[in-house]
Amino acid sequence: MLPANCRYYPSCSEYAKWQFEFNAPHKALVASTLRILRCNQLFDGGIDYPVVTFVPPGHDALRKLNAFCGKMKVIYWFVPKDETRSQYYVIKDFDAINNSET
């Protein structure tokens, strides 16, 4: 009945979904709870992508996976948060989802 009015992008429910997809349950629960507590008039809001710890596979693993699976569809992009490349922002590729539906 009401238009979307979340202060953050992605919305709190989408943020929690991404957290539970890529983090351990206890880390995802804490991050999602803190995000919901920040979603009020005391905070400005804005863009707040989930941050995950990820160790990317080597080039050989990707080549073997690509040969086994064929063409891969990218749904999420992991963008490095800092120079250490141990933590990444999770960004959803909406073009890949829209192109697969058509």
C-alpha atoms as a PDB file:
ATOM      1  CA  MET A   1       0.000   0.000   0.000  1.00  0.00           C
ATOM      2  CA  LEU A   2       2.876   2.372   0.748  1.00  0.00           C
ATOM      3  CA  PRO A   3       5.812   3.082  -1.576  1.00  0.00           C
ATOM      4  CA  ALA A   4       9.255   1.783  -0.665  1.00  0.00           C
ATOM      5  CA  ASN A   5      10.769   4.016   1.997  1.00  0.00           C
ATOM      6  CA  CYS A   6      13.924   2.265   3.201  1.00  0.00           C
ATOM      7  CA  ARG A   7      16.731   4.672   4.104  1.00  0.00           C
ATOM      8  CA  TYR A   8      19.414   2.386   2.716  1.00  0.00           C
ATOM      9  CA  TYR A   9      20.288   0.682  -0.536  1.00  0.00           C
ATOM     10  CA  PRO A  10      20.048  -2.275  -0.678  1.00  0.00           C
ATOM     11  CA  SER A  11      16.985  -2.469   1.536  1.00  0.00           C
ATOM     12  CA  CYS A  12      17.354  -4.032   4.980  1.00  0.00           C
ATOM     13  CA  SER A  13      15.677  -7.279   3.922  1.00  0.00           C
ATOM     14  CA  GLU A  14      17.869  -7.584   0.809  1.00  0.00           C
ATOM     15  CA  TYR A  15      20.937  -6.783   2.924  1.00  0.00           C
ATOM     16  CA  ALA A  16      20.044  -9.565   5.375  1.00  0.00           C
ATOM     17  CA  LYS A  17      19.440 -12.006   2.515  1.00  0.00           C
ATOM     18  CA  TRP A  18      22.879 -11.284   1.031  1.00  0.00           C
ATOM     19  CA  GLN A  19      24.509 -11.561   4.465  1.00  0.00           C
ATOM     20  CA  PHE A  20      23.035 -15.021   5.039  1.00  0.00           C
ATOM     21  CA  GLU A  21      24.053 -16.127   1.538  1.00  0.00           C
ATOM     22  CA  PHE A  22      27.731 -15.231   1.950  1.00  0.00           C
ATOM     23  CA  ASN A  23      28.539 -15.184   5.684  1.00  0.00           C
ATOM     24  CA  ALA A  24      28.348 -17.594   8.582  1.00  0.00           C
ATOM     25  CA  PRO A  25      24.931 -17.454  10.308  1.00  0.00           C
ATOM     26  CA  HIS A  26      26.203 -15.818  13.495  1.00  0.00           C
ATOM     27  CA  LYS A  27      28.044 -13.080  11.551  1.00  0.00           C
ATOM     28  CA  ALA A  28      25.066 -12.544   9.265  1.00  0.00           C
ATOM     29  CA  LEU A  29      22.661 -12.260  12.201  1.00  0.00           C
ATOM     30  CA  VAL A  30      24.834  -9.659  13.955  1.00  0.00           C
ATOM     31  CA  ALA A  31      25.365  -7.611  10.767  1.00  0.00           C
ATOM     32  CA  SER A  32      21.657  -7.726   9.857  1.00  0.00           C
ATOM     33  CA  THR A  33      20.578  -6.755  13.372  1.00  0.00           C
ATOM     34  CA  LEU A  34      22.975  -3.799  13.432  1.00  0.00           C
ATOM     35  CA  ARG A  35      21.720  -2.681  10.040  1.00  0.00           C
ATOM     36  CA  ILE A  36      18.080  -2.791  11.186  1.00  0.00           C
ATOM     37  CA  LEU A  37      18.978  -0.804  14.302  1.00  0.00           C
ATOM     38  CA  ARG A  38      20.636   1.856  12.079  1.00  0.00           C
ATOM     39  CA  CYS A  39      17.525   2.129   9.913  1.00  0.00           C
ATOM     40  CA  ASN A  40      15.860   5.055  11.698  1.00  0.00           C
ATOM     41  CA  GLN A  41      15.640   8.830  11.537  1.00  0.00           C
ATOM     42  CA  LEU A  42      18.877   9.320  13.543  1.00  0.00           C
ATOM     43  CA  PHE A  43      21.014   7.984  10.666  1.00  0.00           C
ATOM     44  CA  ASP A  44      21.261   9.477   7.176  1.00  0.00           C
ATOM     45  CA  GLY A  45      21.043   6.185   5.303  1.00  0.00           C
ATOM     46  CA  GLY A  46      22.553   5.835   1.853  1.00  0.00           C
ATOM     47  CA  ILE A  47      24.382   3.039   0.077  1.00  0.00           C
ATOM     48  CA  ASP A  48      25.525   0.303   2.463  1.00  0.00           C
ATOM     49  CA  TYR A  49      26.615  -2.891   0.727  1.00  0.00           C
ATOM     50  CA  PRO A  50      27.286  -6.029   2.789  1.00  0.00           C
ATOM     51  CA  VAL A  51      30.945  -6.764   3.483  1.00  0.00           C
ATOM     52  CA  VAL A  52      32.121 -10.381   3.350  1.00  0.00           C
ATOM     53  CA  THR A  53      35.428 -12.150   3.851  1.00  0.00           C
ATOM     54  CA  PHE A  54      36.331 -14.098   0.737  1.00  0.00           C
ATOM     55  CA  VAL A  55      39.408 -15.874  -0.579  1.00  0.00           C
ATOM     56  CA  PRO A  56      39.195 -15.938  -4.380  1.00  0.00           C
ATOM     57  CA  PRO A  57      40.147 -19.174  -6.124  1.00  0.00           C
ATOM     58  CA  GLY A  58      43.267 -19.332  -8.254  1.00  0.00           C
ATOM     59  CA  HIS A  59      43.268 -18.961 -12.030  1.00  0.00           C
ATOM     60  CA  ASP A  60      43.574 -22.721 -12.554  1.00  0.00           C
ATOM     61  CA  ALA A  61      40.431 -23.396 -10.533  1.00  0.00           C
ATOM     62  CA  LEU A  62      38.436 -20.880 -12.574  1.00  0.00           C
ATOM     63  CA  ARG A  63      39.677 -22.308 -15.862  1.00  0.00           C
ATOM     64  CA  LYS A  64      38.738 -25.858 -14.803  1.00  0.00           C
ATOM     65  CA  LEU A  65      35.329 -24.702 -13.603  1.00  0.00           C
ATOM     66  CA  ASN A  66      34.667 -22.831 -16.832  1.00  0.00           C
ATOM     67  CA  ALA A  67      35.670 -25.867 -18.917  1.00  0.00           C
ATOM     68  CA  PHE A  68      33.385 -28.082 -16.850  1.00  0.00           C
ATOM     69  CA  CYS A  69      30.370 -25.773 -16.667  1.00  0.00           C
ATOM     70  CA  GLY A  70      30.619 -23.844 -19.926  1.00  0.00           C
ATOM     71  CA  LYS A  71      29.435 -20.253 -19.826  1.00  0.00           C
ATOM     72  CA  MET A  72      28.866 -18.929 -16.304  1.00  0.00           C
ATOM     73  CA  LYS A  73      26.180 -16.438 -15.317  1.00  0.00           C
ATOM     74  CA  VAL A  74      27.385 -13.739 -12.906  1.00  0.00           C
ATOM     75  CA  ILE A  75      24.795 -12.750 -10.308  1.00  0.00           C
ATOM     76  CA  TYR A  76      27.006 -11.064  -7.687  1.00  0.00           C
ATOM     77  CA  TRP A  77      30.195  -9.029  -8.016  1.00  0.00           C
ATOM     78  CA  PHE A  78      32.761  -8.950  -5.206  1.00  0.00           C
ATOM     79  CA  VAL A  79      34.461  -5.539  -5.127  1.00  0.00           C
ATOM     80  CA  PRO A  80      37.558  -5.225  -2.881  1.00  0.00           C
ATOM     81  CA  LYS A  81      37.001  -3.037   0.161  1.00  0.00           C
ATOM     82  CA  ASP A  82      40.672  -2.209   0.680  1.00  0.00           C
ATOM     83  CA  GLU A  83      44.163  -3.013  -0.600  1.00  0.00           C
ATOM     84  CA  THR A  84      44.516  -6.190   1.484  1.00  0.00           C
ATOM     85  CA  ARG A  85      41.774  -7.835  -0.613  1.00  0.00           C
ATOM     86  CA  SER A  86      40.511  -9.884   2.295  1.00  0.00           C
ATOM     87  CA  GLN A  87      37.134  -8.163   2.585  1.00  0.00           C
ATOM     88  CA  TYR A  88      34.788  -7.481  -0.308  1.00  0.00           C
ATOM     89  CA  TYR A  89      31.569  -5.572  -0.933  1.00  0.00           C
ATOM     90  CA  VAL A  90      28.783  -7.724  -2.396  1.00  0.00           C
ATOM     91  CA  ILE A  91      27.055  -6.004  -5.329  1.00  0.00           C
ATOM     92  CA  LYS A  92      24.216  -7.640  -7.235  1.00  0.00           C
ATOM     93  CA  ASP A  93      24.282  -7.649 -11.040  1.00  0.00           C
ATOM     94  CA  PHE A  94      20.667  -6.886 -11.939  1.00  0.00           C
ATOM     95  CA  ASP A  95      21.417  -6.955 -15.681  1.00  0.00           C
ATOM     96  CA  ALA A  96      22.292 -10.652 -15.498  1.00  0.00           C
ATOM     97  CA  ILE A  97      19.002 -11.399 -13.772  1.00  0.00           C
ATOM     98  CA  ASN A  98      16.938  -9.310 -16.189  1.00  0.00           C
ATOM     99  CA  ASN A  99      18.645 -10.823 -19.248  1.00  0.00           C
ATOM    100  CA  SER A 100      18.036 -14.390 -18.069  1.00  0.00           C
ATOM    101  CA  GLU A 101      14.294 -13.778 -17.704  1.00  0.00           C
ATOM    102  CA  THR A 102      13.853 -12.614 -21.301  1.00  0.00           C
END
